[in-house]
């Protein structure tokens, strides 16, 4: 894994901390080539006007949210309405949004499924995404998630090398050998490939971005506040649930 220096992270935070890649079709060797199976799923495009879209209160298609066409497959069961967040641990907006999103997540009814998808558009994001999936593989996802954010934004430890990550995971009882095994595992690598595929199919240009049921996409840049963003997500979830 390549080492990313502190100066690179600082530049990202100052210039385009939560902006996406100029070419969302580009991949990096750290993620690998797109799985062959993904080629059988048609590429999506963003739709900004559609007479079939339900009325979502005061929120306007093309202004506050967009529609993906075709609707993309989700990782949740068919009886669930999936809400996916694409995020990056180094993004200050994702850090500020996370506590609100956690409260929202824990208050959802059974028919809502929430998943996180780490952004992977450059080597540093790929490193953090690999750490996210490593924590999941080790059964430490819930325990480490919030602390990962705080380590970067409150303690100013960028966690930008495998060595730093090994030390960080060690604080949660993960031995170095166990961390390395999970970090380099096929399971984690496959999830990184999937995250890369989803980022392109969802047309991710910034984080945090929320995708409702593989159909609607919205983010902080389209809404005045995070509270309004979650209000819109609630309305889209309700429309999807009622339309079943």
C-alpha atoms as a PDB file:
ATOM      1  CA  UNK A   1       0.000   0.000   0.000  1.00  0.00           C
ATOM      2  CA  UNK A   2       1.362   3.378  -0.957  1.00  0.00           C
ATOM      3  CA  UNK A   3       2.109   5.923   1.741  1.00  0.00           C
ATOM      4  CA  UNK A   4       0.328   9.257   1.478  1.00  0.00           C
ATOM      5  CA  UNK A   5       1.979  12.162   3.229  1.00  0.00           C
ATOM      6  CA  UNK A   6       0.285  14.599   5.582  1.00  0.00           C
ATOM      7  CA  UNK A   7       0.678  17.423   3.085  1.00  0.00           C
ATOM      8  CA  UNK A   8      -1.451  15.617   0.522  1.00  0.00           C
ATOM      9  CA  UNK A   9      -4.300  15.195   2.995  1.00  0.00           C
ATOM     10  CA  UNK A  10      -4.041  18.846   4.024  1.00  0.00           C
ATOM     11  CA  UNK A  11      -4.231  19.928   0.394  1.00  0.00           C
ATOM     12  CA  UNK A  12      -7.263  17.726  -0.188  1.00  0.00           C
ATOM     13  CA  UNK A  13      -9.044  19.181   2.815  1.00  0.00           C
ATOM     14  CA  UNK A  14      -8.316  22.757   1.756  1.00  0.00           C
ATOM     15  CA  UNK A  15      -9.000  22.469  -1.965  1.00  0.00           C
ATOM     16  CA  UNK A  16     -11.517  19.712  -2.589  1.00  0.00           C
ATOM     17  CA  UNK A  17     -11.876  17.722   0.587  1.00  0.00           C
ATOM     18  CA  UNK A  18     -15.266  16.297  -0.277  1.00  0.00           C
ATOM     19  CA  UNK A  19     -15.130  16.564  -4.055  1.00  0.00           C
ATOM     20  CA  UNK A  20     -14.971  13.529  -6.295  1.00  0.00           C
ATOM     21  CA  UNK A  21     -12.683  12.563  -9.165  1.00  0.00           C
ATOM     22  CA  UNK A  22     -12.551  14.531 -12.395  1.00  0.00           C
ATOM     23  CA  UNK A  23     -12.948  11.221 -14.225  1.00  0.00           C
ATOM     24  CA  UNK A  24     -15.199   8.868 -12.300  1.00  0.00           C
ATOM     25  CA  UNK A  25     -14.399   6.081 -14.712  1.00  0.00           C
ATOM     26  CA  UNK A  26     -10.753   5.980 -13.627  1.00  0.00           C
ATOM     27  CA  UNK A  27      -9.552   3.226 -11.349  1.00  0.00           C
ATOM     28  CA  UNK A  28      -6.367   2.857  -9.359  1.00  0.00           C
ATOM     29  CA  UNK A  29      -4.271  -0.309  -9.051  1.00  0.00           C
ATOM     30  CA  UNK A  30      -4.979  -0.331  -5.317  1.00  0.00           C
ATOM     31  CA  UNK A  31      -8.603  -1.062  -6.117  1.00  0.00           C
ATOM     32  CA  UNK A  32      -8.012  -3.229  -9.145  1.00  0.00           C
ATOM     33  CA  UNK A  33      -9.910  -3.846 -12.340  1.00  0.00           C
ATOM     34  CA  UNK A  34     -13.695  -3.886 -12.346  1.00  0.00           C
ATOM     35  CA  UNK A  35     -15.049  -7.422 -11.916  1.00  0.00           C
ATOM     36  CA  UNK A  36     -16.139  -8.985 -15.201  1.00  0.00           C
ATOM     37  CA  UNK A  37     -19.660  -9.543 -13.841  1.00  0.00           C
ATOM     38  CA  UNK A  38     -20.194  -5.801 -13.491  1.00  0.00           C
ATOM     39  CA  UNK A  39     -20.019  -5.377 -17.265  1.00  0.00           C
ATOM     40  CA  UNK A  40     -23.401  -7.125 -17.587  1.00  0.00           C
ATOM     41  CA  UNK A  41     -25.158  -4.334 -15.662  1.00  0.00           C
ATOM     42  CA  UNK A  42     -25.993  -1.280 -17.831  1.00  0.00           C
ATOM     43  CA  UNK A  43     -24.345   2.000 -16.879  1.00  0.00           C
ATOM     44  CA  UNK A  44     -26.710   4.443 -15.246  1.00  0.00           C
ATOM     45  CA  UNK A  45     -27.313   8.092 -15.942  1.00  0.00           C
ATOM     46  CA  UNK A  46     -28.755  10.889 -13.835  1.00  0.00           C
ATOM     47  CA  UNK A  47     -32.279  12.016 -14.707  1.00  0.00           C
ATOM     48  CA  UNK A  48     -33.292  15.522 -13.639  1.00  0.00           C
ATOM     49  CA  UNK A  49     -36.909  15.538 -14.846  1.00  0.00           C
ATOM     50  CA  UNK A  50     -39.413  12.693 -14.834  1.00  0.00           C
ATOM     51  CA  UNK A  51     -43.183  12.922 -14.798  1.00  0.00           C
ATOM     52  CA  UNK A  52     -43.367   9.523 -13.074  1.00  0.00           C
ATOM     53  CA  UNK A  53     -41.427  10.680 -10.023  1.00  0.00           C
ATOM     54  CA  UNK A  54     -43.748  11.121  -7.008  1.00  0.00           C
ATOM     55  CA  UNK A  55     -44.242  14.565  -5.519  1.00  0.00           C
ATOM     56  CA  UNK A  56     -41.743  14.945  -2.695  1.00  0.00           C
ATOM     57  CA  UNK A  57     -43.174  17.902  -0.788  1.00  0.00           C
ATOM     58  CA  UNK A  58     -41.117  21.024  -1.368  1.00  0.00           C
ATOM     59  CA  UNK A  59     -38.143  19.105  -2.796  1.00  0.00           C
ATOM     60  CA  UNK A  60     -37.614  19.336  -6.545  1.00  0.00           C
ATOM     61  CA  UNK A  61     -36.127  16.758  -8.875  1.00  0.00           C
ATOM     62  CA  UNK A  62     -33.069  18.245 -10.547  1.00  0.00           C
ATOM     63  CA  UNK A  63     -32.586  20.762  -7.743  1.00  0.00           C
ATOM     64  CA  UNK A  64     -32.529  18.843  -4.480  1.00  0.00           C
ATOM     65  CA  UNK A  65     -32.117  15.310  -5.805  1.00  0.00           C
ATOM     66  CA  UNK A  66     -31.680  13.332  -9.029  1.00  0.00           C
ATOM     67  CA  UNK A  67     -32.929  10.006 -10.294  1.00  0.00           C
ATOM     68  CA  UNK A  68     -30.672   7.205 -11.493  1.00  0.00           C
ATOM     69  CA  UNK A  69     -31.766   5.515 -14.691  1.00  0.00           C
ATOM     70  CA  UNK A  70     -31.923   2.592 -14.717  1.00  0.00           C
ATOM     71  CA  UNK A  71     -32.471   1.942 -11.019  1.00  0.00           C
ATOM     72  CA  UNK A  72     -29.380   0.245  -9.625  1.00  0.00           C
ATOM     73  CA  UNK A  73     -29.399  -3.074  -7.709  1.00  0.00           C
ATOM     74  CA  UNK A  74     -29.147  -2.810  -3.923  1.00  0.00           C
ATOM     75  CA  UNK A  75     -27.447  -5.082  -1.408  1.00  0.00           C
ATOM     76  CA  UNK A  76     -30.578  -5.266   0.773  1.00  0.00           C
ATOM     77  CA  UNK A  77     -33.464  -7.721   0.641  1.00  0.00           C
ATOM     78  CA  UNK A  78     -36.354  -6.838  -1.738  1.00  0.00           C
ATOM     79  CA  UNK A  79     -38.707  -6.036   1.146  1.00  0.00           C
ATOM     80  CA  UNK A  80     -36.389  -3.290   2.409  1.00  0.00           C
ATOM     81  CA  UNK A  81     -35.913   0.306   1.267  1.00  0.00           C
ATOM     82  CA  UNK A  82     -32.158   0.785   1.192  1.00  0.00           C
ATOM     83  CA  UNK A  83     -30.433   4.037   2.087  1.00  0.00           C
ATOM     84  CA  UNK A  84     -26.727   4.040   1.234  1.00  0.00           C
ATOM     85  CA  UNK A  85     -24.227   6.686   2.306  1.00  0.00           C
ATOM     86  CA  UNK A  86     -21.074   7.224   0.265  1.00  0.00           C
ATOM     87  CA  UNK A  87     -18.518   8.840   2.580  1.00  0.00           C
ATOM     88  CA  UNK A  88     -14.843   9.425   3.324  1.00  0.00           C
ATOM     89  CA  UNK A  89     -13.321   9.444   6.795  1.00  0.00           C
ATOM     90  CA  UNK A  90     -11.091  12.416   5.915  1.00  0.00           C
ATOM     91  CA  UNK A  91     -14.002  14.613   4.795  1.00  0.00           C
ATOM     92  CA  UNK A  92     -14.939  17.227   7.430  1.00  0.00           C
ATOM     93  CA  UNK A  93     -18.505  17.338   6.112  1.00  0.00           C
ATOM     94  CA  UNK A  94     -18.879  13.583   6.550  1.00  0.00           C
ATOM     95  CA  UNK A  95     -17.455  13.931  10.068  1.00  0.00           C
ATOM     96  CA  UNK A  96     -19.992  16.636  10.980  1.00  0.00           C
ATOM     97  CA  UNK A  97     -22.865  14.753   9.351  1.00  0.00           C
ATOM     98  CA  UNK A  98     -22.114  11.386  10.944  1.00  0.00           C
ATOM     99  CA  UNK A  99     -23.647  12.005  14.423  1.00  0.00           C
ATOM    100  CA  UNK A 100     -26.927  13.189  12.842  1.00  0.00           C
ATOM    101  CA  UNK A 101     -26.918  10.257  10.458  1.00  0.00           C
ATOM    102  CA  UNK A 102     -26.293   7.820  13.315  1.00  0.00           C
ATOM    103  CA  UNK A 103     -29.277   9.178  15.256  1.00  0.00           C
ATOM    104  CA  UNK A 104     -31.394   8.958  12.107  1.00  0.00           C
ATOM    105  CA  UNK A 105     -30.216   5.399  11.407  1.00  0.00           C
ATOM    106  CA  UNK A 106     -31.072   4.090  14.860  1.00  0.00           C
ATOM    107  CA  UNK A 107     -34.586   5.559  14.655  1.00  0.00           C
ATOM    108  CA  UNK A 108     -35.545   3.872  11.360  1.00  0.00           C
ATOM    109  CA  UNK A 109     -38.361   1.310  11.101  1.00  0.00           C
ATOM    110  CA  UNK A 110     -37.723  -2.288  10.104  1.00  0.00           C
ATOM    111  CA  UNK A 111     -38.433  -1.692   6.426  1.00  0.00           C
ATOM    112  CA  UNK A 112     -35.403   0.619   6.074  1.00  0.00           C
ATOM    113  CA  UNK A 113     -31.940  -0.853   5.500  1.00  0.00           C
ATOM    114  CA  UNK A 114     -28.918   1.457   5.934  1.00  0.00           C
ATOM    115  CA  UNK A 115     -25.506   0.719   4.413  1.00  0.00           C
ATOM    116  CA  UNK A 116     -22.250   2.644   4.135  1.00  0.00           C
ATOM    117  CA  UNK A 117     -20.079   2.712   1.016  1.00  0.00           C
ATOM    118  CA  UNK A 118     -16.624   4.303   1.351  1.00  0.00           C
ATOM    119  CA  UNK A 119     -15.459   6.516  -1.528  1.00  0.00           C
ATOM    120  CA  UNK A 120     -12.386   5.181  -3.356  1.00  0.00           C
ATOM    121  CA  UNK A 121     -11.385   7.721  -6.002  1.00  0.00           C
ATOM    122  CA  UNK A 122      -7.742   8.189  -4.958  1.00  0.00           C
ATOM    123  CA  UNK A 123      -5.076   6.212  -3.043  1.00  0.00           C
ATOM    124  CA  UNK A 124      -5.768   7.841   0.343  1.00  0.00           C
ATOM    125  CA  UNK A 125      -9.505   7.193   0.107  1.00  0.00           C
ATOM    126  CA  UNK A 126      -8.764   3.625  -0.971  1.00  0.00           C
ATOM    127  CA  UNK A 127      -6.579   3.139   2.107  1.00  0.00           C
ATOM    128  CA  UNK A 128      -9.350   4.415   4.402  1.00  0.00           C
ATOM    129  CA  UNK A 129     -11.930   2.311   2.552  1.00  0.00           C
ATOM    130  CA  UNK A 130      -9.763  -0.775   3.025  1.00  0.00           C
ATOM    131  CA  UNK A 131      -9.574   0.035   6.739  1.00  0.00           C
ATOM    132  CA  UNK A 132     -13.381   0.396   6.881  1.00  0.00           C
ATOM    133  CA  UNK A 133     -13.899  -3.047   5.347  1.00  0.00           C
ATOM    134  CA  UNK A 134     -11.116  -4.512   7.493  1.00  0.00           C
ATOM    135  CA  UNK A 135     -12.947  -3.333  10.611  1.00  0.00           C
ATOM    136  CA  UNK A 136     -16.129  -4.974   9.298  1.00  0.00           C
ATOM    137  CA  UNK A 137     -14.290  -8.233   8.578  1.00  0.00           C
ATOM    138  CA  UNK A 138     -12.900  -8.265  12.123  1.00  0.00           C
ATOM    139  CA  UNK A 139     -16.290  -7.557  13.706  1.00  0.00           C
ATOM    140  CA  UNK A 140     -15.085  -4.131  14.861  1.00  0.00           C
ATOM    141  CA  UNK A 141     -17.049  -1.918  12.455  1.00  0.00           C
ATOM    142  CA  UNK A 142     -19.477  -0.390  14.938  1.00  0.00           C
ATOM    143  CA  UNK A 143     -16.779   0.072  17.574  1.00  0.00           C
ATOM    144  CA  UNK A 144     -14.225   1.700  15.286  1.00  0.00           C
ATOM    145  CA  UNK A 145     -16.355   3.798  12.908  1.00  0.00           C
ATOM    146  CA  UNK A 146     -16.867   6.913  15.043  1.00  0.00           C
ATOM    147  CA  UNK A 147     -13.387   6.675  16.535  1.00  0.00           C
ATOM    148  CA  UNK A 148     -11.860   6.623  13.055  1.00  0.00           C
ATOM    149  CA  UNK A 149     -13.504   9.972  12.325  1.00  0.00           C
ATOM    150  CA  UNK A 150     -12.383  11.414  15.664  1.00  0.00           C
ATOM    151  CA  UNK A 151      -8.816  10.169  15.243  1.00  0.00           C
ATOM    152  CA  UNK A 152      -8.488  12.186  12.053  1.00  0.00           C
ATOM    153  CA  UNK A 153     -10.497  15.317  12.839  1.00  0.00           C
ATOM    154  CA  UNK A 154      -9.983  15.732  16.577  1.00  0.00           C
ATOM    155  CA  UNK A 155      -6.598  14.090  17.209  1.00  0.00           C
ATOM    156  CA  UNK A 156      -5.143  15.073  13.808  1.00  0.00           C
ATOM    157  CA  UNK A 157      -3.770  11.609  13.104  1.00  0.00           C
ATOM    158  CA  UNK A 158      -4.334  11.186   9.370  1.00  0.00           C
ATOM    159  CA  UNK A 159      -4.169   7.370   9.451  1.00  0.00           C
ATOM    160  CA  UNK A 160      -2.527   7.593   6.048  1.00  0.00           C
ATOM    161  CA  UNK A 161      -0.233   4.538   6.262  1.00  0.00           C
ATOM    162  CA  UNK A 162      -0.711   0.877   6.992  1.00  0.00           C
ATOM    163  CA  UNK A 163       1.614   1.258   9.995  1.00  0.00           C
ATOM    164  CA  UNK A 164      -0.615   3.945  11.530  1.00  0.00           C
ATOM    165  CA  UNK A 165      -3.691   1.830  10.881  1.00  0.00           C
ATOM    166  CA  UNK A 166      -2.087  -1.208  12.523  1.00  0.00           C
ATOM    167  CA  UNK A 167      -1.400   0.846  15.655  1.00  0.00           C
ATOM    168  CA  UNK A 168      -4.909   2.328  15.614  1.00  0.00           C
ATOM    169  CA  UNK A 169      -6.597  -1.065  15.315  1.00  0.00           C
ATOM    170  CA  UNK A 170      -4.368  -2.321  18.124  1.00  0.00           C
ATOM    171  CA  UNK A 171      -6.151   0.019  20.525  1.00  0.00           C
ATOM    172  CA  UNK A 172      -9.293  -2.036  19.930  1.00  0.00           C
ATOM    173  CA  UNK A 173      -7.663  -5.346  20.745  1.00  0.00           C
ATOM    174  CA  UNK A 174      -6.715  -6.306  17.178  1.00  0.00           C
ATOM    175  CA  UNK A 175      -3.276  -7.903  16.982  1.00  0.00           C
ATOM    176  CA  UNK A 176      -0.995  -6.841  14.147  1.00  0.00           C
ATOM    177  CA  UNK A 177      -1.084 -10.274  12.500  1.00  0.00           C
ATOM    178  CA  UNK A 178      -4.886 -10.404  12.576  1.00  0.00           C
ATOM    179  CA  UNK A 179      -5.102  -6.897  11.151  1.00  0.00           C
ATOM    180  CA  UNK A 180      -2.711  -7.738   8.315  1.00  0.00           C
ATOM    181  CA  UNK A 181      -4.574 -10.929   7.456  1.00  0.00           C
ATOM    182  CA  UNK A 182      -7.903  -9.127   7.178  1.00  0.00           C
ATOM    183  CA  UNK A 183      -6.430  -6.024   5.527  1.00  0.00           C
ATOM    184  CA  UNK A 184      -4.946  -8.093   2.678  1.00  0.00           C
ATOM    185  CA  UNK A 185      -7.822 -10.567   2.419  1.00  0.00           C
ATOM    186  CA  UNK A 186      -9.754 -11.401  -0.732  1.00  0.00           C
ATOM    187  CA  UNK A 187     -12.984 -10.470   1.103  1.00  0.00           C
ATOM    188  CA  UNK A 188     -11.797  -6.912   1.713  1.00  0.00           C
ATOM    189  CA  UNK A 189     -10.390  -6.561  -1.791  1.00  0.00           C
ATOM    190  CA  UNK A 190     -13.680  -7.716  -3.323  1.00  0.00           C
ATOM    191  CA  UNK A 191     -15.597  -5.141  -1.277  1.00  0.00           C
ATOM    192  CA  UNK A 192     -13.223  -2.425  -2.469  1.00  0.00           C
ATOM    193  CA  UNK A 193     -13.948  -3.406  -6.060  1.00  0.00           C
ATOM    194  CA  UNK A 194     -17.671  -3.278  -5.348  1.00  0.00           C
ATOM    195  CA  UNK A 195     -17.339   0.186  -3.751  1.00  0.00           C
ATOM    196  CA  UNK A 196     -15.494   1.390  -6.853  1.00  0.00           C
ATOM    197  CA  UNK A 197     -18.214  -0.013  -9.104  1.00  0.00           C
ATOM    198  CA  UNK A 198     -21.007   1.569  -7.054  1.00  0.00           C
ATOM    199  CA  UNK A 199     -19.308   4.968  -6.965  1.00  0.00           C
ATOM    200  CA  UNK A 200     -19.321   5.046 -10.746  1.00  0.00           C
ATOM    201  CA  UNK A 201     -22.848   3.704 -11.120  1.00  0.00           C
ATOM    202  CA  UNK A 202     -24.108   6.261  -8.597  1.00  0.00           C
ATOM    203  CA  UNK A 203     -22.182   9.077 -10.359  1.00  0.00           C
ATOM    204  CA  UNK A 204     -20.521  10.094  -7.099  1.00  0.00           C
ATOM    205  CA  UNK A 205     -18.978  13.555  -7.410  1.00  0.00           C
ATOM    206  CA  UNK A 206     -18.805  14.531  -3.741  1.00  0.00           C
ATOM    207  CA  UNK A 207     -19.337  13.158  -0.248  1.00  0.00           C
ATOM    208  CA  UNK A 208     -21.455  12.707   1.719  1.00  0.00           C
ATOM    209  CA  UNK A 209     -23.937  11.440  -0.869  1.00  0.00           C
ATOM    210  CA  UNK A 210     -27.057   9.441  -0.037  1.00  0.00           C
ATOM    211  CA  UNK A 211     -28.701   6.982  -2.429  1.00  0.00           C
ATOM    212  CA  UNK A 212     -32.270   5.848  -1.763  1.00  0.00           C
ATOM    213  CA  UNK A 213     -33.173   2.357  -3.004  1.00  0.00           C
ATOM    214  CA  UNK A 214     -30.683   2.524  -5.866  1.00  0.00           C
ATOM    215  CA  UNK A 215     -32.986   5.087  -7.488  1.00  0.00           C
ATOM    216  CA  UNK A 216     -32.548   8.564  -5.998  1.00  0.00           C
ATOM    217  CA  UNK A 217     -29.329  10.387  -5.172  1.00  0.00           C
ATOM    218  CA  UNK A 218     -28.806  13.536  -3.122  1.00  0.00           C
ATOM    219  CA  UNK A 219     -26.144  15.196  -1.002  1.00  0.00           C
ATOM    220  CA  UNK A 220     -25.135  18.098   1.190  1.00  0.00           C
ATOM    221  CA  UNK A 221     -24.319  20.262  -1.829  1.00  0.00           C
ATOM    222  CA  UNK A 222     -27.945  20.128  -3.004  1.00  0.00           C
ATOM    223  CA  UNK A 223     -29.637  20.897   0.320  1.00  0.00           C
ATOM    224  CA  UNK A 224     -29.383  23.829   2.723  1.00  0.00           C
ATOM    225  CA  UNK A 225     -28.688  21.761   5.849  1.00  0.00           C
ATOM    226  CA  UNK A 226     -28.110  18.177   6.943  1.00  0.00           C
ATOM    227  CA  UNK A 227     -31.429  18.196   8.762  1.00  0.00           C
ATOM    228  CA  UNK A 228     -33.156  19.055   5.467  1.00  0.00           C
ATOM    229  CA  UNK A 229     -31.137  16.372   3.714  1.00  0.00           C
ATOM    230  CA  UNK A 230     -32.471  13.738   6.087  1.00  0.00           C
ATOM    231  CA  UNK A 231     -35.983  15.189   5.727  1.00  0.00           C
ATOM    232  CA  UNK A 232     -35.697  14.635   1.967  1.00  0.00           C
ATOM    233  CA  UNK A 233     -34.391  11.107   2.488  1.00  0.00           C
ATOM    234  CA  UNK A 234     -37.343  10.356   4.768  1.00  0.00           C
ATOM    235  CA  UNK A 235     -39.738  11.593   2.071  1.00  0.00           C
ATOM    236  CA  UNK A 236     -38.055   9.478  -0.620  1.00  0.00           C
ATOM    237  CA  UNK A 237     -38.062   6.422   1.650  1.00  0.00           C
ATOM    238  CA  UNK A 238     -41.769   6.922   2.376  1.00  0.00           C
ATOM    239  CA  UNK A 239     -42.548   7.224  -1.343  1.00  0.00           C
ATOM    240  CA  UNK A 240     -40.624   4.037  -2.105  1.00  0.00           C
ATOM    241  CA  UNK A 241     -42.278   2.131   0.737  1.00  0.00           C
ATOM    242  CA  UNK A 242     -45.784   3.277  -0.174  1.00  0.00           C
ATOM    243  CA  UNK A 243     -45.198   2.394  -3.823  1.00  0.00           C
ATOM    244  CA  UNK A 244     -44.553  -1.290  -3.133  1.00  0.00           C
END
